[in-house]
């Protein structure tokens, strides 16, 4: 369970890093004011790159959302496993205490019976 959660968190971090790097590239492209002499060619390349980055960002954002959902599901499964383990631990402790109490009652009865036999 823990390894599954770790894997989900790693893929979530990778997807978030991709989204951040694409956002940085888009911001950098928006900041570039001076282009080469052939402005039309630069504009065509710029627009094509921007469209590609936007498409990649949408894909990356979808991958991030999916990774976040898998991480949340893995967290839920881990929590369920922990709660189940705690329930088993409590049940074992209760049964152990009940068995110990029964053993103490038997021992006390044996002592009481032994004491009664001596008095006779």
C-alpha atoms as a PDB file:
ATOM      1  CA  UNK A   1       0.000   0.000   0.000  1.00  0.00           C
ATOM      2  CA  UNK A   2       2.733   2.450   0.929  1.00  0.00           C
ATOM      3  CA  UNK A   3       4.711   1.686  -2.224  1.00  0.00           C
ATOM      4  CA  UNK A   4       1.591   2.200  -4.326  1.00  0.00           C
ATOM      5  CA  UNK A   5       1.051   5.588  -2.693  1.00  0.00           C
ATOM      6  CA  UNK A   6       4.724   6.475  -3.194  1.00  0.00           C
ATOM      7  CA  UNK A   7       4.473   5.573  -6.887  1.00  0.00           C
ATOM      8  CA  UNK A   8       1.318   7.661  -7.271  1.00  0.00           C
ATOM      9  CA  UNK A   9       2.912  10.630  -5.518  1.00  0.00           C
ATOM     10  CA  UNK A  10       6.004  10.355  -7.737  1.00  0.00           C
ATOM     11  CA  UNK A  11       3.908  10.387 -10.909  1.00  0.00           C
ATOM     12  CA  UNK A  12       1.887  13.280  -9.502  1.00  0.00           C
ATOM     13  CA  UNK A  13       5.080  15.249  -8.832  1.00  0.00           C
ATOM     14  CA  UNK A  14       6.385  14.497 -12.322  1.00  0.00           C
ATOM     15  CA  UNK A  15       3.123  15.655 -13.919  1.00  0.00           C
ATOM     16  CA  UNK A  16       3.126  18.825 -11.808  1.00  0.00           C
ATOM     17  CA  UNK A  17       6.736  19.497 -12.859  1.00  0.00           C
ATOM     18  CA  UNK A  18       5.784  19.135 -16.519  1.00  0.00           C
ATOM     19  CA  UNK A  19       2.893  21.566 -16.101  1.00  0.00           C
ATOM     20  CA  UNK A  20       5.200  24.061 -14.350  1.00  0.00           C
ATOM     21  CA  UNK A  21       7.858  23.815 -17.073  1.00  0.00           C
ATOM     22  CA  UNK A  22       5.256  24.345 -19.810  1.00  0.00           C
ATOM     23  CA  UNK A  23       3.857  27.329 -17.924  1.00  0.00           C
ATOM     24  CA  UNK A  24       7.382  28.735 -17.671  1.00  0.00           C
ATOM     25  CA  UNK A  25       7.935  28.226 -21.404  1.00  0.00           C
ATOM     26  CA  UNK A  26       4.645  29.953 -22.198  1.00  0.00           C
ATOM     27  CA  UNK A  27       5.561  32.853 -19.931  1.00  0.00           C
ATOM     28  CA  UNK A  28       9.000  33.093 -21.532  1.00  0.00           C
ATOM     29  CA  UNK A  29       7.460  33.156 -25.005  1.00  0.00           C
ATOM     30  CA  UNK A  30       5.103  35.902 -23.912  1.00  0.00           C
ATOM     31  CA  UNK A  31       8.039  37.960 -22.642  1.00  0.00           C
ATOM     32  CA  UNK A  32      10.044  37.760 -25.867  1.00  0.00           C
ATOM     33  CA  UNK A  33       9.478  41.100 -27.544  1.00  0.00           C
ATOM     34  CA  UNK A  34      12.352  41.240 -30.007  1.00  0.00           C
ATOM     35  CA  UNK A  35      12.190  38.797 -32.883  1.00  0.00           C
ATOM     36  CA  UNK A  36      14.386  38.159 -35.905  1.00  0.00           C
ATOM     37  CA  UNK A  37      14.238  40.319 -38.974  1.00  0.00           C
ATOM     38  CA  UNK A  38      11.765  38.031 -40.666  1.00  0.00           C
ATOM     39  CA  UNK A  39       8.855  38.888 -38.400  1.00  0.00           C
ATOM     40  CA  UNK A  40       6.243  36.833 -40.266  1.00  0.00           C
ATOM     41  CA  UNK A  41       8.309  33.677 -40.099  1.00  0.00           C
ATOM     42  CA  UNK A  42       9.039  34.330 -36.426  1.00  0.00           C
ATOM     43  CA  UNK A  43       5.334  34.904 -35.800  1.00  0.00           C
ATOM     44  CA  UNK A  44       4.416  31.628 -37.550  1.00  0.00           C
ATOM     45  CA  UNK A  45       6.985  29.698 -35.526  1.00  0.00           C
ATOM     46  CA  UNK A  46       5.982  31.478 -32.330  1.00  0.00           C
ATOM     47  CA  UNK A  47       2.282  30.730 -32.843  1.00  0.00           C
ATOM     48  CA  UNK A  48       2.945  27.089 -33.743  1.00  0.00           C
ATOM     49  CA  UNK A  49       5.117  26.661 -30.633  1.00  0.00           C
ATOM     50  CA  UNK A  50       2.552  28.381 -28.457  1.00  0.00           C
ATOM     51  CA  UNK A  51      -0.211  26.125 -29.778  1.00  0.00           C
ATOM     52  CA  UNK A  52       1.968  23.071 -29.206  1.00  0.00           C
ATOM     53  CA  UNK A  53       2.756  24.173 -25.654  1.00  0.00           C
ATOM     54  CA  UNK A  54      -0.913  24.805 -24.910  1.00  0.00           C
ATOM     55  CA  UNK A  55      -1.824  21.355 -26.218  1.00  0.00           C
ATOM     56  CA  UNK A  56       0.962  19.785 -24.160  1.00  0.00           C
ATOM     57  CA  UNK A  57      -0.188  21.726 -21.123  1.00  0.00           C
ATOM     58  CA  UNK A  58      -3.717  20.394 -21.512  1.00  0.00           C
ATOM     59  CA  UNK A  59      -2.349  16.844 -21.763  1.00  0.00           C
ATOM     60  CA  UNK A  60      -0.075  17.413 -18.785  1.00  0.00           C
ATOM     61  CA  UNK A  61      -2.861  18.956 -16.731  1.00  0.00           C
ATOM     62  CA  UNK A  62      -5.051  15.930 -17.494  1.00  0.00           C
ATOM     63  CA  UNK A  63      -2.184  13.597 -16.495  1.00  0.00           C
ATOM     64  CA  UNK A  64      -1.734  15.602 -13.287  1.00  0.00           C
ATOM     65  CA  UNK A  65      -5.445  15.356 -12.469  1.00  0.00           C
ATOM     66  CA  UNK A  66      -5.338  11.614 -13.090  1.00  0.00           C
ATOM     67  CA  UNK A  67      -2.219  11.236 -10.927  1.00  0.00           C
ATOM     68  CA  UNK A  68      -3.859  13.259  -8.152  1.00  0.00           C
ATOM     69  CA  UNK A  69      -6.935  11.030  -8.338  1.00  0.00           C
ATOM     70  CA  UNK A  70      -4.773   7.884  -8.165  1.00  0.00           C
ATOM     71  CA  UNK A  71      -2.878   9.353  -5.200  1.00  0.00           C
ATOM     72  CA  UNK A  72      -6.126  10.144  -3.415  1.00  0.00           C
ATOM     73  CA  UNK A  73      -7.399   6.624  -4.053  1.00  0.00           C
ATOM     74  CA  UNK A  74      -4.125   5.129  -2.821  1.00  0.00           C
ATOM     75  CA  UNK A  75      -4.303   7.302   0.304  1.00  0.00           C
ATOM     76  CA  UNK A  76      -7.831   6.036   0.890  1.00  0.00           C
ATOM     77  CA  UNK A  77      -6.783   2.402   0.493  1.00  0.00           C
ATOM     78  CA  UNK A  78      -3.840   2.948   2.826  1.00  0.00           C
ATOM     79  CA  UNK A  79      -6.137   4.538   5.416  1.00  0.00           C
ATOM     80  CA  UNK A  80      -8.596   1.640   5.099  1.00  0.00           C
ATOM     81  CA  UNK A  81      -5.763  -0.848   5.588  1.00  0.00           C
ATOM     82  CA  UNK A  82      -4.546   1.028   8.653  1.00  0.00           C
ATOM     83  CA  UNK A  83      -8.048   1.136  10.135  1.00  0.00           C
ATOM     84  CA  UNK A  84      -8.483  -2.586   9.464  1.00  0.00           C
ATOM     85  CA  UNK A  85      -5.137  -3.323  11.118  1.00  0.00           C
ATOM     86  CA  UNK A  86      -6.109  -1.221  14.125  1.00  0.00           C
ATOM     87  CA  UNK A  87      -9.439  -3.069  14.366  1.00  0.00           C
ATOM     88  CA  UNK A  88      -7.629  -6.405  14.296  1.00  0.00           C
ATOM     89  CA  UNK A  89      -5.193  -5.177  16.957  1.00  0.00           C
ATOM     90  CA  UNK A  90      -8.098  -4.083  19.170  1.00  0.00           C
ATOM     91  CA  UNK A  91      -9.869  -7.410  18.664  1.00  0.00           C
ATOM     92  CA  UNK A  92      -6.719  -9.350  19.520  1.00  0.00           C
ATOM     93  CA  UNK A  93      -6.186  -7.204  22.622  1.00  0.00           C
ATOM     94  CA  UNK A  94      -9.813  -7.702  23.730  1.00  0.00           C
ATOM     95  CA  UNK A  95      -9.635 -11.460  23.219  1.00  0.00           C
ATOM     96  CA  UNK A  96      -6.296 -11.647  24.995  1.00  0.00           C
ATOM     97  CA  UNK A  97      -7.707  -9.678  27.927  1.00  0.00           C
ATOM     98  CA  UNK A  98     -10.800 -11.914  28.020  1.00  0.00           C
ATOM     99  CA  UNK A  99      -8.638 -15.065  27.940  1.00  0.00           C
ATOM    100  CA  UNK A 100      -6.412 -13.652  30.682  1.00  0.00           C
ATOM    101  CA  UNK A 101      -9.456 -12.793  32.812  1.00  0.00           C
ATOM    102  CA  UNK A 102     -10.866 -16.303  32.306  1.00  0.00           C
ATOM    103  CA  UNK A 103      -7.501 -17.829  33.236  1.00  0.00           C
ATOM    104  CA  UNK A 104      -7.396 -15.630  36.359  1.00  0.00           C
ATOM    105  CA  UNK A 105     -10.933 -16.744  37.330  1.00  0.00           C
ATOM    106  CA  UNK A 106      -9.982 -20.407  36.876  1.00  0.00           C
ATOM    107  CA  UNK A 107      -6.846 -19.956  38.927  1.00  0.00           C
ATOM    108  CA  UNK A 108      -8.832 -18.207  41.654  1.00  0.00           C
ATOM    109  CA  UNK A 109     -11.422 -21.026  41.657  1.00  0.00           C
ATOM    110  CA  UNK A 110      -8.642 -23.587  41.993  1.00  0.00           C
ATOM    111  CA  UNK A 111      -7.183 -21.659  44.923  1.00  0.00           C
ATOM    112  CA  UNK A 112     -10.607 -21.364  46.527  1.00  0.00           C
ATOM    113  CA  UNK A 113     -11.244 -25.101  46.038  1.00  0.00           C
ATOM    114  CA  UNK A 114      -7.835 -25.942  47.501  1.00  0.00           C
ATOM    115  CA  UNK A 115      -8.522 -23.703  50.505  1.00  0.00           C
ATOM    116  CA  UNK A 116     -11.940 -25.350  51.081  1.00  0.00           C
ATOM    117  CA  UNK A 117     -10.407 -28.829  50.959  1.00  0.00           C
ATOM    118  CA  UNK A 118      -7.819 -27.854  53.591  1.00  0.00           C
ATOM    119  CA  UNK A 119     -10.475 -26.542  55.937  1.00  0.00           C
ATOM    120  CA  UNK A 120     -12.350 -29.837  55.876  1.00  0.00           C
END
